[in-house]
Amino acid sequence: MSFSAGRGFPSNRPRRLRRTAALRRAVAETRVHPADLVLPMFVREGLSEPRAIASMPGVMQHTRDSLRKAVVSAVNAGVGGVMIFGVPETRDADGSGADDPNGILNVAIRDIIAEVGDSTVVISDLCLDEFTSHGHCGVLTASGAVDNDATLERYASMALAQAAAGAHVLGASGMMDGQIGHVRGVLDASGDTDTALLAYAAKYASACYGPFRDAVESALEGDRRTYQQDPANATEALREVRLDIAEGADIVMVKPAGPYLDILSRVAAESEVPVAAYQVSGEYAMIEAAAEKGWIDRERMIVESVTSIKRAGAQMICTYWAEELAELLRTGY
């Protein structure tokens, strides 16, 4: 550090560029834009009106009609995309509602496409967990283990149904080995070479998913540690990403976001396709709970947490605050 002649005080003063809000904005290295944001949304079969999710204040299970209106609102706010999860009334061991053209997720996709068309990116959840009676992301063997290869066949059928419904991107979230290659092959063989695949390439077996399981009324028995990643491992995430890209992933995702910013940074440095990150339900719930107690500044924490995800390298950020944050950004927060 250099010093002013004869005074012994520093001449290099980084604080000069922090003195006003305008200066800070002018030199900001990371900027979140509404188009970076994806809003996860839930639609439940059989509802006559939206239903609040107790563990996720401000987030709803939608009816088909309220979902359409909420998507329009998000589009008008400038949000870059929506990610749709379906919650059926009935479930079975094979998750048969997942690829039923009249199943709640597929009809909701058609509803949204009819409402907003290509004005936003519509991402569907390509996984069985919301539809199975046991709550796992795949079908089970007689011994109760998740059958990887049999599950791939179910994913392929789901993919065809979701693509036919009009989804722009299929979010393959099940963490089955070979899921991207198998689904891509089936889509291409059907003549659908345009529907994109978002691979949940580094999805960790995290404790942060608890509120999400409330949102989809999960029937999970046991846990998902045999197919989701071990939180202790980092190199394994890069291997998963490489495999998914080689199999044809158009986008790769790290999930959760906040506890795995180191993984996100490493993936972003290596990936040759766009990188997404999911600020999951537990991250949302913890911030909302602390804010409700008056322990943190809610809006500042929302902006800071999402900015950190962008700074770590995410180009797409799935967050339950997407619409609210888009409004904050638009008004110059």
C-alpha atoms as a PDB file:
ATOM      1  CA  MET A   1       0.000   0.000   0.000  1.00  0.00           C
ATOM      2  CA  SER A   2       1.353   3.416  -0.907  1.00  0.00           C
ATOM      3  CA  PHE A   3       1.199   6.348   1.509  1.00  0.00           C
ATOM      4  CA  SER A   4       0.854  10.078   1.040  1.00  0.00           C
ATOM      5  CA  ALA A   5       4.251  11.799   1.232  1.00  0.00           C
ATOM      6  CA  GLY A   6       5.164  12.913   4.727  1.00  0.00           C
ATOM      7  CA  ARG A   7       1.847  11.991   6.317  1.00  0.00           C
ATOM      8  CA  GLY A   8       1.893   8.233   6.743  1.00  0.00           C
ATOM      9  CA  PHE A   9      -1.725   7.889   5.625  1.00  0.00           C
ATOM     10  CA  PRO A  10      -2.833   5.596   2.768  1.00  0.00           C
ATOM     11  CA  SER A  11      -3.233   7.098  -0.700  1.00  0.00           C
ATOM     12  CA  ASN A  12      -4.946   3.983  -2.064  1.00  0.00           C
ATOM     13  CA  ARG A  13      -8.440   4.106  -0.590  1.00  0.00           C
ATOM     14  CA  PRO A  14     -10.896   1.501  -1.953  1.00  0.00           C
ATOM     15  CA  ARG A  15     -13.580   3.121   0.214  1.00  0.00           C
ATOM     16  CA  ARG A  16     -13.785   6.031  -2.234  1.00  0.00           C
ATOM     17  CA  LEU A  17     -15.879   3.870  -4.559  1.00  0.00           C
ATOM     18  CA  ARG A  18     -18.268   2.862  -1.771  1.00  0.00           C
ATOM     19  CA  ARG A  19     -19.143   6.379  -0.638  1.00  0.00           C
ATOM     20  CA  THR A  20     -22.577   6.679  -2.302  1.00  0.00           C
ATOM     21  CA  ALA A  21     -25.182   4.294  -3.610  1.00  0.00           C
ATOM     22  CA  ALA A  22     -24.609   5.640  -7.128  1.00  0.00           C
ATOM     23  CA  LEU A  23     -20.881   4.929  -6.922  1.00  0.00           C
ATOM     24  CA  ARG A  24     -21.509   1.435  -5.602  1.00  0.00           C
ATOM     25  CA  ARG A  25     -23.909   0.740  -8.471  1.00  0.00           C
ATOM     26  CA  ALA A  26     -21.442   2.103 -11.013  1.00  0.00           C
ATOM     27  CA  VAL A  27     -18.671  -0.313 -10.010  1.00  0.00           C
ATOM     28  CA  ALA A  28     -20.772  -3.351  -9.065  1.00  0.00           C
ATOM     29  CA  GLU A  29     -19.159  -6.509 -10.433  1.00  0.00           C
ATOM     30  CA  THR A  30     -22.290  -8.638 -10.196  1.00  0.00           C
ATOM     31  CA  ARG A  31     -25.746  -7.612 -11.358  1.00  0.00           C
ATOM     32  CA  VAL A  32     -28.905  -9.667 -11.033  1.00  0.00           C
ATOM     33  CA  HIS A  33     -31.458  -9.078 -13.779  1.00  0.00           C
ATOM     34  CA  PRO A  34     -35.109 -10.220 -13.648  1.00  0.00           C
ATOM     35  CA  ALA A  35     -34.471 -12.359 -16.727  1.00  0.00           C
ATOM     36  CA  ASP A  36     -31.993 -14.414 -14.642  1.00  0.00           C
ATOM     37  CA  LEU A  37     -34.790 -15.527 -12.315  1.00  0.00           C
ATOM     38  CA  VAL A  38     -37.021 -18.597 -12.501  1.00  0.00           C
ATOM     39  CA  LEU A  39     -40.105 -18.882 -10.280  1.00  0.00           C
ATOM     40  CA  PRO A  40     -40.934 -22.391  -8.989  1.00  0.00           C
ATOM     41  CA  MET A  41     -44.726 -22.895  -8.755  1.00  0.00           C
ATOM     42  CA  PHE A  42     -47.044 -25.628  -7.486  1.00  0.00           C
ATOM     43  CA  VAL A  43     -50.384 -26.652  -8.964  1.00  0.00           C
ATOM     44  CA  ARG A  44     -52.583 -29.093  -7.055  1.00  0.00           C
ATOM     45  CA  GLU A  45     -55.290 -31.233  -8.505  1.00  0.00           C
ATOM     46  CA  GLY A  46     -58.743 -30.845  -6.965  1.00  0.00           C
ATOM     47  CA  LEU A  47     -58.363 -27.427  -5.341  1.00  0.00           C
ATOM     48  CA  SER A  48     -61.177 -24.912  -5.651  1.00  0.00           C
ATOM     49  CA  GLU A  49     -58.995 -22.042  -4.412  1.00  0.00           C
ATOM     50  CA  PRO A  50     -55.256 -21.525  -3.765  1.00  0.00           C
ATOM     51  CA  ARG A  51     -53.909 -23.068  -0.578  1.00  0.00           C
ATOM     52  CA  ALA A  52     -51.123 -21.559   1.529  1.00  0.00           C
ATOM     53  CA  ILE A  53     -48.070 -23.710   2.308  1.00  0.00           C
ATOM     54  CA  ALA A  54     -47.467 -23.294   6.033  1.00  0.00           C
ATOM     55  CA  SER A  55     -43.709 -23.886   5.971  1.00  0.00           C
ATOM     56  CA  MET A  56     -43.202 -21.496   3.035  1.00  0.00           C
ATOM     57  CA  PRO A  57     -44.941 -18.207   3.908  1.00  0.00           C
ATOM     58  CA  GLY A  58     -46.201 -16.468   0.797  1.00  0.00           C
ATOM     59  CA  VAL A  59     -45.987 -19.558  -1.439  1.00  0.00           C
ATOM     60  CA  MET A  60     -49.180 -21.270  -2.603  1.00  0.00           C
ATOM     61  CA  GLN A  61     -50.465 -24.492  -4.035  1.00  0.00           C
ATOM     62  CA  HIS A  62     -52.374 -23.149  -7.028  1.00  0.00           C
ATOM     63  CA  THR A  63     -55.526 -24.173  -8.794  1.00  0.00           C
ATOM     64  CA  ARG A  64     -55.234 -24.394 -12.562  1.00  0.00           C
ATOM     65  CA  ASP A  65     -56.929 -21.023 -12.873  1.00  0.00           C
ATOM     66  CA  SER A  66     -54.872 -19.253 -10.216  1.00  0.00           C
ATOM     67  CA  LEU A  67     -51.690 -20.720 -11.712  1.00  0.00           C
ATOM     68  CA  ARG A  68     -52.468 -19.140 -15.076  1.00  0.00           C
ATOM     69  CA  LYS A  69     -52.999 -15.764 -13.441  1.00  0.00           C
ATOM     70  CA  ALA A  70     -49.848 -16.090 -11.326  1.00  0.00           C
ATOM     71  CA  VAL A  71     -47.744 -16.948 -14.365  1.00  0.00           C
ATOM     72  CA  VAL A  72     -49.054 -13.869 -16.192  1.00  0.00           C
ATOM     73  CA  SER A  73     -48.146 -11.759 -13.164  1.00  0.00           C
ATOM     74  CA  ALA A  74     -44.611 -13.194 -13.125  1.00  0.00           C
ATOM     75  CA  VAL A  75     -44.205 -12.555 -16.849  1.00  0.00           C
ATOM     76  CA  ASN A  76     -45.361  -8.966 -16.415  1.00  0.00           C
ATOM     77  CA  ALA A  77     -42.768  -8.526 -13.658  1.00  0.00           C
ATOM     78  CA  GLY A  78     -40.056  -9.597 -16.098  1.00  0.00           C
ATOM     79  CA  VAL A  79     -39.231 -12.972 -14.528  1.00  0.00           C
ATOM     80  CA  GLY A  80     -37.273 -15.082 -16.998  1.00  0.00           C
ATOM     81  CA  GLY A  81     -39.069 -18.366 -16.487  1.00  0.00           C
ATOM     82  CA  VAL A  82     -41.384 -20.526 -14.415  1.00  0.00           C
ATOM     83  CA  MET A  83     -40.817 -24.064 -13.151  1.00  0.00           C
ATOM     84  CA  ILE A  84     -43.978 -26.101 -12.625  1.00  0.00           C
ATOM     85  CA  PHE A  85     -44.542 -28.902 -10.109  1.00  0.00           C
ATOM     86  CA  GLY A  86     -47.762 -30.919 -10.116  1.00  0.00           C
ATOM     87  CA  VAL A  87     -49.459 -32.343  -7.025  1.00  0.00           C
ATOM     88  CA  PRO A  88     -51.969 -35.095  -7.877  1.00  0.00           C
ATOM     89  CA  GLU A  89     -54.937 -36.226  -5.801  1.00  0.00           C
ATOM     90  CA  THR A  90     -54.054 -39.909  -6.114  1.00  0.00           C
ATOM     91  CA  ARG A  91     -50.742 -41.724  -6.435  1.00  0.00           C
ATOM     92  CA  ASP A  92     -49.504 -45.214  -7.156  1.00  0.00           C
ATOM     93  CA  ALA A  93     -46.248 -47.156  -7.077  1.00  0.00           C
ATOM     94  CA  ASP A  94     -45.351 -46.332 -10.698  1.00  0.00           C
ATOM     95  CA  GLY A  95     -46.412 -42.675 -10.615  1.00  0.00           C
ATOM     96  CA  SER A  96     -48.839 -43.220 -13.468  1.00  0.00           C
ATOM     97  CA  GLY A  97     -50.216 -39.677 -13.195  1.00  0.00           C
ATOM     98  CA  ALA A  98     -46.853 -38.317 -14.332  1.00  0.00           C
ATOM     99  CA  ASP A  99     -47.216 -39.288 -17.989  1.00  0.00           C
ATOM    100  CA  ASP A 100     -51.006 -39.206 -18.187  1.00  0.00           C
ATOM    101  CA  PRO A 101     -51.855 -36.478 -20.741  1.00  0.00           C
ATOM    102  CA  ASN A 102     -54.720 -35.520 -18.433  1.00  0.00           C
ATOM    103  CA  GLY A 103     -52.556 -35.575 -15.313  1.00  0.00           C
ATOM    104  CA  ILE A 104     -52.326 -32.335 -13.353  1.00  0.00           C
ATOM    105  CA  LEU A 105     -48.807 -31.390 -14.439  1.00  0.00           C
ATOM    106  CA  ASN A 106     -49.408 -31.957 -18.134  1.00  0.00           C
ATOM    107  CA  VAL A 107     -52.723 -30.094 -18.227  1.00  0.00           C
ATOM    108  CA  ALA A 108     -51.122 -27.234 -16.285  1.00  0.00           C
ATOM    109  CA  ILE A 109     -48.320 -26.999 -18.835  1.00  0.00           C
ATOM    110  CA  ARG A 110     -50.912 -26.773 -21.618  1.00  0.00           C
ATOM    111  CA  ASP A 111     -52.794 -24.118 -19.650  1.00  0.00           C
ATOM    112  CA  ILE A 112     -49.687 -21.982 -19.259  1.00  0.00           C
ATOM    113  CA  ILE A 113     -48.571 -22.310 -22.855  1.00  0.00           C
ATOM    114  CA  ALA A 114     -52.065 -21.337 -23.979  1.00  0.00           C
ATOM    115  CA  GLU A 115     -51.880 -18.277 -21.716  1.00  0.00           C
ATOM    116  CA  VAL A 116     -48.347 -16.957 -22.277  1.00  0.00           C
ATOM    117  CA  GLY A 117     -46.913 -18.921 -25.208  1.00  0.00           C
ATOM    118  CA  ASP A 118     -43.221 -18.226 -25.717  1.00  0.00           C
ATOM    119  CA  SER A 119     -43.150 -15.004 -23.681  1.00  0.00           C
ATOM    120  CA  THR A 120     -41.451 -16.841 -20.822  1.00  0.00           C
ATOM    121  CA  VAL A 121     -39.536 -20.091 -20.413  1.00  0.00           C
ATOM    122  CA  VAL A 122     -41.801 -22.878 -19.159  1.00  0.00           C
ATOM    123  CA  ILE A 123     -39.833 -25.565 -17.317  1.00  0.00           C
ATOM    124  CA  SER A 124     -41.527 -28.784 -16.241  1.00  0.00           C
ATOM    125  CA  ASP A 125     -40.386 -31.085 -13.456  1.00  0.00           C
ATOM    126  CA  LEU A 126     -39.312 -34.396 -14.961  1.00  0.00           C
ATOM    127  CA  CYS A 127     -39.401 -36.600 -11.871  1.00  0.00           C
ATOM    128  CA  LEU A 128     -41.701 -39.162 -10.294  1.00  0.00           C
ATOM    129  CA  ASP A 129     -41.550 -38.209  -6.622  1.00  0.00           C
ATOM    130  CA  GLU A 130     -44.723 -36.090  -6.626  1.00  0.00           C
ATOM    131  CA  PHE A 131     -46.640 -38.918  -8.287  1.00  0.00           C
ATOM    132  CA  THR A 132     -45.479 -42.061  -6.471  1.00  0.00           C
ATOM    133  CA  SER A 133     -47.196 -43.503  -3.423  1.00  0.00           C
ATOM    134  CA  HIS A 134     -43.796 -44.149  -1.801  1.00  0.00           C
ATOM    135  CA  GLY A 135     -42.404 -40.693  -2.603  1.00  0.00           C
ATOM    136  CA  HIS A 136     -39.203 -41.795  -4.303  1.00  0.00           C
ATOM    137  CA  CYS A 137     -37.973 -40.332  -7.572  1.00  0.00           C
ATOM    138  CA  GLY A 138     -38.200 -43.683  -9.331  1.00  0.00           C
ATOM    139  CA  VAL A 139     -39.910 -47.035  -9.379  1.00  0.00           C
ATOM    140  CA  LEU A 140     -38.896 -49.621  -6.805  1.00  0.00           C
ATOM    141  CA  THR A 141     -37.650 -53.185  -6.989  1.00  0.00           C
ATOM    142  CA  ALA A 142     -39.318 -55.943  -4.975  1.00  0.00           C
ATOM    143  CA  SER A 143     -36.767 -55.295  -2.223  1.00  0.00           C
ATOM    144  CA  GLY A 144     -37.646 -51.594  -2.054  1.00  0.00           C
ATOM    145  CA  ALA A 145     -34.571 -50.185  -3.799  1.00  0.00           C
ATOM    146  CA  VAL A 146     -34.930 -47.584  -6.537  1.00  0.00           C
ATOM    147  CA  ASP A 147     -34.560 -49.324  -9.906  1.00  0.00           C
ATOM    148  CA  ASN A 148     -32.413 -46.948 -11.965  1.00  0.00           C
ATOM    149  CA  ASP A 149     -32.988 -48.412 -15.430  1.00  0.00           C
ATOM    150  CA  ALA A 150     -36.700 -49.091 -15.043  1.00  0.00           C
ATOM    151  CA  THR A 151     -37.037 -45.496 -13.864  1.00  0.00           C
ATOM    152  CA  LEU A 152     -35.388 -44.254 -17.061  1.00  0.00           C
ATOM    153  CA  GLU A 153     -38.245 -45.774 -19.054  1.00  0.00           C
ATOM    154  CA  ARG A 154     -40.758 -43.892 -16.916  1.00  0.00           C
ATOM    155  CA  TYR A 155     -38.800 -40.653 -17.381  1.00  0.00           C
ATOM    156  CA  ALA A 156     -38.830 -41.153 -21.139  1.00  0.00           C
ATOM    157  CA  SER A 157     -42.606 -41.513 -21.126  1.00  0.00           C
ATOM    158  CA  MET A 158     -42.942 -38.427 -18.937  1.00  0.00           C
ATOM    159  CA  ALA A 159     -40.670 -36.482 -21.275  1.00  0.00           C
ATOM    160  CA  LEU A 160     -42.814 -37.293 -24.287  1.00  0.00           C
ATOM    161  CA  ALA A 161     -45.958 -36.196 -22.421  1.00  0.00           C
ATOM    162  CA  GLN A 162     -44.413 -32.946 -21.174  1.00  0.00           C
ATOM    163  CA  ALA A 163     -42.955 -32.089 -24.566  1.00  0.00           C
ATOM    164  CA  ALA A 164     -46.331 -32.775 -26.200  1.00  0.00           C
ATOM    165  CA  ALA A 165     -47.932 -30.436 -23.647  1.00  0.00           C
ATOM    166  CA  GLY A 166     -45.586 -27.684 -24.806  1.00  0.00           C
ATOM    167  CA  ALA A 167     -42.890 -27.355 -22.122  1.00  0.00           C
ATOM    168  CA  HIS A 168     -39.840 -25.507 -23.415  1.00  0.00           C
ATOM    169  CA  VAL A 169     -37.415 -27.157 -20.984  1.00  0.00           C
ATOM    170  CA  LEU A 170     -37.674 -30.436 -19.102  1.00  0.00           C
ATOM    171  CA  GLY A 171     -36.066 -30.304 -15.650  1.00  0.00           C
ATOM    172  CA  ALA A 172     -34.629 -33.776 -15.079  1.00  0.00           C
ATOM    173  CA  SER A 173     -34.371 -33.764 -11.299  1.00  0.00           C
ATOM    174  CA  GLY A 174     -34.319 -37.437 -10.345  1.00  0.00           C
ATOM    175  CA  MET A 175     -30.530 -38.031 -10.269  1.00  0.00           C
ATOM    176  CA  MET A 176     -30.777 -41.382 -12.037  1.00  0.00           C
ATOM    177  CA  ASP A 177     -27.625 -42.465 -13.854  1.00  0.00           C
ATOM    178  CA  GLY A 178     -28.005 -41.986 -17.607  1.00  0.00           C
ATOM    179  CA  GLN A 179     -31.269 -40.042 -17.388  1.00  0.00           C
ATOM    180  CA  ILE A 180     -30.219 -37.251 -19.763  1.00  0.00           C
ATOM    181  CA  GLY A 181     -28.900 -39.574 -22.451  1.00  0.00           C
ATOM    182  CA  HIS A 182     -31.942 -41.829 -22.313  1.00  0.00           C
ATOM    183  CA  VAL A 183     -34.488 -39.020 -22.402  1.00  0.00           C
ATOM    184  CA  ARG A 184     -32.605 -37.151 -25.147  1.00  0.00           C
ATOM    185  CA  GLY A 185     -32.493 -40.301 -27.239  1.00  0.00           C
ATOM    186  CA  VAL A 186     -36.228 -40.940 -26.895  1.00  0.00           C
ATOM    187  CA  LEU A 187     -37.128 -37.325 -27.659  1.00  0.00           C
ATOM    188  CA  ASP A 188     -34.897 -37.251 -30.723  1.00  0.00           C
ATOM    189  CA  ALA A 189     -36.256 -40.571 -31.965  1.00  0.00           C
ATOM    190  CA  SER A 190     -39.771 -39.136 -31.714  1.00  0.00           C
ATOM    191  CA  GLY A 191     -38.741 -36.188 -33.879  1.00  0.00           C
ATOM    192  CA  ASP A 192     -38.603 -33.733 -30.967  1.00  0.00           C
ATOM    193  CA  THR A 193     -35.151 -32.250 -31.267  1.00  0.00           C
ATOM    194  CA  ASP A 194     -36.145 -28.801 -29.981  1.00  0.00           C
ATOM    195  CA  THR A 195     -37.232 -29.423 -26.373  1.00  0.00           C
ATOM    196  CA  ALA A 196     -34.303 -28.600 -24.085  1.00  0.00           C
ATOM    197  CA  LEU A 197     -33.090 -30.610 -21.104  1.00  0.00           C
ATOM    198  CA  LEU A 198     -32.057 -29.065 -17.794  1.00  0.00           C
ATOM    199  CA  ALA A 199     -30.036 -31.612 -15.833  1.00  0.00           C
ATOM    200  CA  TYR A 200     -30.081 -31.448 -12.051  1.00  0.00           C
ATOM    201  CA  ALA A 201     -26.476 -32.540 -12.396  1.00  0.00           C
ATOM    202  CA  ALA A 202     -25.338 -31.848  -8.833  1.00  0.00           C
ATOM    203  CA  LYS A 203     -28.353 -32.402  -6.617  1.00  0.00           C
ATOM    204  CA  TYR A 204     -27.355 -33.052  -3.037  1.00  0.00           C
ATOM    205  CA  ALA A 205     -29.158 -35.132  -0.419  1.00  0.00           C
ATOM    206  CA  SER A 206     -29.842 -32.015   1.621  1.00  0.00           C
ATOM    207  CA  ALA A 207     -31.838 -31.272   4.747  1.00  0.00           C
ATOM    208  CA  CYS A 208     -32.954 -28.066   3.023  1.00  0.00           C
ATOM    209  CA  TYR A 209     -35.756 -29.803   1.101  1.00  0.00           C
ATOM    210  CA  GLY A 210     -38.144 -30.215   4.024  1.00  0.00           C
ATOM    211  CA  PRO A 211     -40.636 -27.442   3.176  1.00  0.00           C
ATOM    212  CA  PHE A 212     -40.757 -28.557  -0.467  1.00  0.00           C
ATOM    213  CA  ARG A 213     -42.036 -31.927   0.692  1.00  0.00           C
ATOM    214  CA  ASP A 214     -44.862 -30.096   2.427  1.00  0.00           C
ATOM    215  CA  ALA A 215     -45.566 -28.214  -0.792  1.00  0.00           C
ATOM    216  CA  VAL A 216     -45.945 -31.405  -2.843  1.00  0.00           C
ATOM    217  CA  GLU A 217     -47.437 -33.434   0.030  1.00  0.00           C
ATOM    218  CA  SER A 218     -44.624 -35.941  -0.321  1.00  0.00           C
ATOM    219  CA  ALA A 219     -45.262 -39.520   0.725  1.00  0.00           C
ATOM    220  CA  LEU A 220     -41.537 -40.244   1.009  1.00  0.00           C
ATOM    221  CA  GLU A 221     -40.579 -43.356   2.914  1.00  0.00           C
ATOM    222  CA  GLY A 222     -36.914 -43.400   3.942  1.00  0.00           C
ATOM    223  CA  ASP A 223     -34.492 -41.015   2.239  1.00  0.00           C
ATOM    224  CA  ARG A 224     -32.843 -40.419  -1.140  1.00  0.00           C
ATOM    225  CA  ARG A 225     -29.202 -40.777  -0.175  1.00  0.00           C
ATOM    226  CA  THR A 226     -28.622 -43.717  -2.522  1.00  0.00           C
ATOM    227  CA  TYR A 227     -29.162 -41.538  -5.591  1.00  0.00           C
ATOM    228  CA  GLN A 228     -28.729 -37.895  -4.559  1.00  0.00           C
ATOM    229  CA  GLN A 229     -25.195 -36.682  -3.890  1.00  0.00           C
ATOM    230  CA  ASP A 230     -23.384 -36.906  -0.569  1.00  0.00           C
ATOM    231  CA  PRO A 231     -22.921 -33.391   0.895  1.00  0.00           C
ATOM    232  CA  ALA A 232     -19.329 -34.321   1.736  1.00  0.00           C
ATOM    233  CA  ASN A 233     -18.317 -34.677  -1.917  1.00  0.00           C
ATOM    234  CA  ALA A 234     -17.245 -32.017  -4.403  1.00  0.00           C
ATOM    235  CA  THR A 235     -15.255 -33.784  -7.132  1.00  0.00           C
ATOM    236  CA  GLU A 236     -18.187 -36.130  -7.644  1.00  0.00           C
ATOM    237  CA  ALA A 237     -20.308 -33.134  -8.681  1.00  0.00           C
ATOM    238  CA  LEU A 238     -17.921 -32.316 -11.518  1.00  0.00           C
ATOM    239  CA  ARG A 239     -18.083 -35.913 -12.693  1.00  0.00           C
ATOM    240  CA  GLU A 240     -21.886 -35.767 -12.714  1.00  0.00           C
ATOM    241  CA  VAL A 241     -21.818 -32.511 -14.676  1.00  0.00           C
ATOM    242  CA  ARG A 242     -19.411 -33.904 -17.281  1.00  0.00           C
ATOM    243  CA  LEU A 243     -21.569 -36.985 -17.760  1.00  0.00           C
ATOM    244  CA  ASP A 244     -24.756 -34.956 -18.198  1.00  0.00           C
ATOM    245  CA  ILE A 245     -23.150 -32.602 -20.703  1.00  0.00           C
ATOM    246  CA  ALA A 246     -21.774 -35.550 -22.647  1.00  0.00           C
ATOM    247  CA  GLU A 247     -25.263 -37.075 -22.705  1.00  0.00           C
ATOM    248  CA  GLY A 248     -26.784 -33.927 -24.183  1.00  0.00           C
ATOM    249  CA  ALA A 249     -27.793 -31.627 -21.307  1.00  0.00           C
ATOM    250  CA  ASP A 250     -28.531 -28.105 -22.521  1.00  0.00           C
ATOM    251  CA  ILE A 251     -28.317 -26.626 -19.003  1.00  0.00           C
ATOM    252  CA  VAL A 252     -26.855 -28.057 -15.785  1.00  0.00           C
ATOM    253  CA  MET A 253     -28.016 -27.239 -12.274  1.00  0.00           C
ATOM    254  CA  VAL A 254     -26.573 -27.196  -8.758  1.00  0.00           C
ATOM    255  CA  LYS A 255     -29.091 -27.745  -5.957  1.00  0.00           C
ATOM    256  CA  PRO A 256     -29.313 -26.412  -3.251  1.00  0.00           C
ATOM    257  CA  ALA A 257     -27.642 -23.111  -4.062  1.00  0.00           C
ATOM    258  CA  GLY A 258     -26.644 -21.333  -0.844  1.00  0.00           C
ATOM    259  CA  PRO A 259     -24.925 -24.189   1.030  1.00  0.00           C
ATOM    260  CA  TYR A 260     -23.130 -25.255  -2.157  1.00  0.00           C
ATOM    261  CA  LEU A 261     -21.737 -22.008  -3.579  1.00  0.00           C
ATOM    262  CA  ASP A 262     -18.308 -23.630  -3.745  1.00  0.00           C
ATOM    263  CA  ILE A 263     -19.724 -26.385  -5.950  1.00  0.00           C
ATOM    264  CA  LEU A 264     -21.569 -23.845  -8.077  1.00  0.00           C
ATOM    265  CA  SER A 265     -18.382 -21.865  -8.627  1.00  0.00           C
ATOM    266  CA  ARG A 266     -16.444 -24.965  -9.691  1.00  0.00           C
ATOM    267  CA  VAL A 267     -19.203 -26.117 -12.015  1.00  0.00           C
ATOM    268  CA  ALA A 268     -19.512 -22.663 -13.599  1.00  0.00           C
ATOM    269  CA  ALA A 269     -15.764 -22.547 -14.209  1.00  0.00           C
ATOM    270  CA  GLU A 270     -15.858 -25.864 -16.052  1.00  0.00           C
ATOM    271  CA  SER A 271     -19.247 -26.089 -17.751  1.00  0.00           C
ATOM    272  CA  GLU A 272     -19.566 -25.410 -21.465  1.00  0.00           C
ATOM    273  CA  VAL A 273     -23.359 -25.044 -21.159  1.00  0.00           C
ATOM    274  CA  PRO A 274     -25.383 -22.554 -19.072  1.00  0.00           C
ATOM    275  CA  VAL A 275     -25.429 -23.184 -15.328  1.00  0.00           C
ATOM    276  CA  ALA A 276     -28.515 -22.903 -13.116  1.00  0.00           C
ATOM    277  CA  ALA A 277     -28.866 -22.994  -9.344  1.00  0.00           C
ATOM    278  CA  TYR A 278     -31.915 -23.603  -7.171  1.00  0.00           C
ATOM    279  CA  GLN A 279     -32.405 -21.579  -3.991  1.00  0.00           C
ATOM    280  CA  VAL A 280     -34.504 -24.258  -2.374  1.00  0.00           C
ATOM    281  CA  SER A 281     -37.431 -24.249   0.023  1.00  0.00           C
ATOM    282  CA  GLY A 282     -35.344 -24.569   3.182  1.00  0.00           C
ATOM    283  CA  GLU A 283     -33.210 -21.582   2.223  1.00  0.00           C
ATOM    284  CA  TYR A 284     -36.396 -19.600   1.614  1.00  0.00           C
ATOM    285  CA  ALA A 285     -38.025 -20.740   4.858  1.00  0.00           C
ATOM    286  CA  MET A 286     -35.011 -19.949   7.034  1.00  0.00           C
ATOM    287  CA  ILE A 287     -34.766 -16.389   5.749  1.00  0.00           C
ATOM    288  CA  GLU A 288     -38.510 -15.832   6.045  1.00  0.00           C
ATOM    289  CA  ALA A 289     -38.522 -17.201   9.610  1.00  0.00           C
ATOM    290  CA  ALA A 290     -35.587 -15.059  10.714  1.00  0.00           C
ATOM    291  CA  ALA A 291     -37.158 -11.989   9.117  1.00  0.00           C
ATOM    292  CA  GLU A 292     -40.482 -12.687  10.822  1.00  0.00           C
ATOM    293  CA  LYS A 293     -38.611 -12.712  14.144  1.00  0.00           C
ATOM    294  CA  GLY A 294     -37.068  -9.351  13.296  1.00  0.00           C
ATOM    295  CA  TRP A 295     -33.570 -10.821  13.355  1.00  0.00           C
ATOM    296  CA  ILE A 296     -32.609  -9.801   9.791  1.00  0.00           C
ATOM    297  CA  ASP A 297     -33.578  -7.230   7.187  1.00  0.00           C
ATOM    298  CA  ARG A 298     -35.738  -9.342   4.879  1.00  0.00           C
ATOM    299  CA  GLU A 299     -35.360  -7.438   1.602  1.00  0.00           C
ATOM    300  CA  ARG A 300     -31.619  -6.945   2.031  1.00  0.00           C
ATOM    301  CA  MET A 301     -31.209 -10.644   2.784  1.00  0.00           C
ATOM    302  CA  ILE A 302     -33.190 -11.649  -0.300  1.00  0.00           C
ATOM    303  CA  VAL A 303     -31.053  -9.442  -2.538  1.00  0.00           C
ATOM    304  CA  GLU A 304     -27.803 -10.504  -0.874  1.00  0.00           C
ATOM    305  CA  SER A 305     -28.547 -14.220  -1.018  1.00  0.00           C
ATOM    306  CA  VAL A 306     -29.529 -14.179  -4.688  1.00  0.00           C
ATOM    307  CA  THR A 307     -26.611 -11.908  -5.615  1.00  0.00           C
ATOM    308  CA  SER A 308     -24.224 -14.397  -4.007  1.00  0.00           C
ATOM    309  CA  ILE A 309     -25.648 -17.160  -6.212  1.00  0.00           C
ATOM    310  CA  LYS A 310     -25.164 -15.022  -9.323  1.00  0.00           C
ATOM    311  CA  ARG A 311     -21.658 -14.058  -8.173  1.00  0.00           C
ATOM    312  CA  ALA A 312     -20.750 -17.736  -7.796  1.00  0.00           C
ATOM    313  CA  GLY A 313     -21.565 -18.294 -11.462  1.00  0.00           C
ATOM    314  CA  ALA A 314     -25.246 -19.114 -11.942  1.00  0.00           C
ATOM    315  CA  GLN A 315     -26.843 -17.763 -15.115  1.00  0.00           C
ATOM    316  CA  MET A 316     -30.318 -18.969 -14.121  1.00  0.00           C
ATOM    317  CA  ILE A 317     -31.511 -18.770 -10.516  1.00  0.00           C
ATOM    318  CA  CYS A 318     -34.602 -20.621  -9.344  1.00  0.00           C
ATOM    319  CA  THR A 319     -35.977 -18.789  -6.328  1.00  0.00           C
ATOM    320  CA  TYR A 320     -39.372 -18.454  -4.684  1.00  0.00           C
ATOM    321  CA  TRP A 321     -38.700 -14.711  -4.465  1.00  0.00           C
ATOM    322  CA  ALA A 322     -38.330 -14.384  -8.245  1.00  0.00           C
ATOM    323  CA  GLU A 323     -41.330 -12.120  -8.820  1.00  0.00           C
ATOM    324  CA  GLU A 324     -40.796 -10.014  -5.706  1.00  0.00           C
ATOM    325  CA  LEU A 325     -37.099  -9.660  -6.464  1.00  0.00           C
ATOM    326  CA  ALA A 326     -37.831  -8.704 -10.080  1.00  0.00           C
ATOM    327  CA  GLU A 327     -40.007  -5.869  -8.767  1.00  0.00           C
ATOM    328  CA  LEU A 328     -37.296  -4.778  -6.319  1.00  0.00           C
ATOM    329  CA  LEU A 329     -34.741  -4.730  -9.133  1.00  0.00           C
ATOM    330  CA  ARG A 330     -37.088  -2.843 -11.430  1.00  0.00           C
ATOM    331  CA  THR A 331     -37.644  -0.114  -8.854  1.00  0.00           C
ATOM    332  CA  GLY A 332     -33.920   0.260  -8.231  1.00  0.00           C
ATOM    333  CA  TYR A 333     -33.563  -1.370  -4.815  1.00  0.00           C
END
